[in-house]
Protein backbone atom coordinates (compact mmCIF):
# COMPACT_ATOMS: atom_id res chain seq x y z
CA MET A 1 0.00 0.00 0.00
CA ILE A 2 1.33 3.42 -0.96
CA ASN A 3 0.14 6.51 0.83
CA ILE A 4 0.43 9.75 -1.08
CA TRP A 5 0.09 13.05 0.75
CA ILE A 6 -1.12 15.89 -1.40
CA GLU A 7 -0.89 19.25 0.25
CA VAL A 8 -3.37 21.77 -1.10
CA GLU A 9 -2.49 25.32 -0.26
CA MET A 10 -5.46 27.28 0.96
CA LYS A 11 -6.25 30.51 -0.84
CA LYS A 12 -6.52 33.73 1.12
CA PHE A 13 -9.50 36.06 0.70
CA GLU A 14 -10.52 39.38 2.19
CA LEU A 15 -14.25 39.74 2.87
CA TYR A 16 -15.84 43.18 3.16
CA SER A 17 -19.21 44.45 4.31
CA VAL A 18 -21.14 47.27 2.70
CA GLY A 19 -19.47 50.61 3.30
CA LEU A 20 -20.93 52.84 6.00
CA LEU A 21 -20.27 56.43 6.95
CA SER A 22 -18.86 57.05 10.39
CA LYS A 23 -19.81 60.04 12.52
CA SER A 24 -16.66 61.78 11.28
CA GLY A 25 -17.76 61.27 7.65
CA ASP A 26 -15.16 58.61 6.82
CA ASP A 27 -16.10 55.47 4.90
CA LYS A 28 -15.92 52.36 7.08
CA ALA A 29 -16.48 48.70 6.34
CA ALA A 30 -16.12 45.49 8.30
CA MET A 31 -13.36 43.26 6.93
CA CYS A 32 -11.95 39.88 7.79
CA VAL A 33 -9.55 37.39 6.23
CA ALA A 34 -10.79 33.94 5.27
CA TYR A 35 -9.02 30.88 3.93
CA ALA A 36 -10.63 28.39 1.56
CA ASN A 37 -9.67 25.90 -1.14
CA SER A 38 -11.42 28.01 -3.78
CA LEU A 39 -13.69 30.98 -4.26
CA ALA A 40 -16.56 28.59 -4.98
CA ASP A 41 -16.04 26.85 -1.61
CA LEU A 42 -15.98 30.19 0.18
CA ILE A 43 -19.15 31.42 -1.53
CA GLN A 44 -20.91 28.15 -0.72
CA ASP A 45 -19.95 28.56 2.94
CA ILE A 46 -21.22 32.15 3.01
CA GLU A 47 -24.46 31.24 1.22
CA SER A 48 -25.08 28.41 3.69
CA ASN A 49 -25.06 31.08 6.40
CA ALA A 50 -27.59 33.33 4.59
CA GLY A 51 -24.85 35.66 3.33
CA TRP A 52 -23.33 36.27 6.75
CA ARG A 53 -19.71 35.83 7.72
CA THR A 54 -19.43 34.95 11.38
CA ASP A 55 -16.14 34.85 13.17
CA SER A 56 -15.07 34.69 16.79
CA ASN A 57 -15.09 38.48 17.06
CA CYS A 58 -17.41 39.78 14.31
CA ALA A 59 -20.41 39.09 12.11
CA PHE A 60 -21.44 40.94 8.95
CA LYS A 61 -23.17 40.49 5.60
CA VAL A 62 -20.56 39.97 2.89
CA ALA A 63 -20.77 42.46 0.04
CA TYR A 64 -17.34 42.05 -1.61
CA ILE A 65 -14.70 39.31 -1.81
CA GLU A 66 -11.14 39.85 -2.96
CA GLU A 67 -8.58 37.06 -3.44
CA ILE A 68 -5.17 37.93 -2.03
CA VAL A 69 -2.22 36.74 -4.08
CA GLU A 70 1.05 36.79 -2.18
């Protein structure tokens, strides 16, 4: 029996909420970093949570996703 280990590098994405105006008039948006095998996997995860991204310290509706290439 031969065991083959295939390491799949997770892709890095930044998720943003809809922009809001702060009291000082600056644009603000919630943002977090997420890791997934693909954009399709990430979108499926977000859609399964009714469009919400929940993390240990935040929760927001995702409006924009950007893949980060390092």
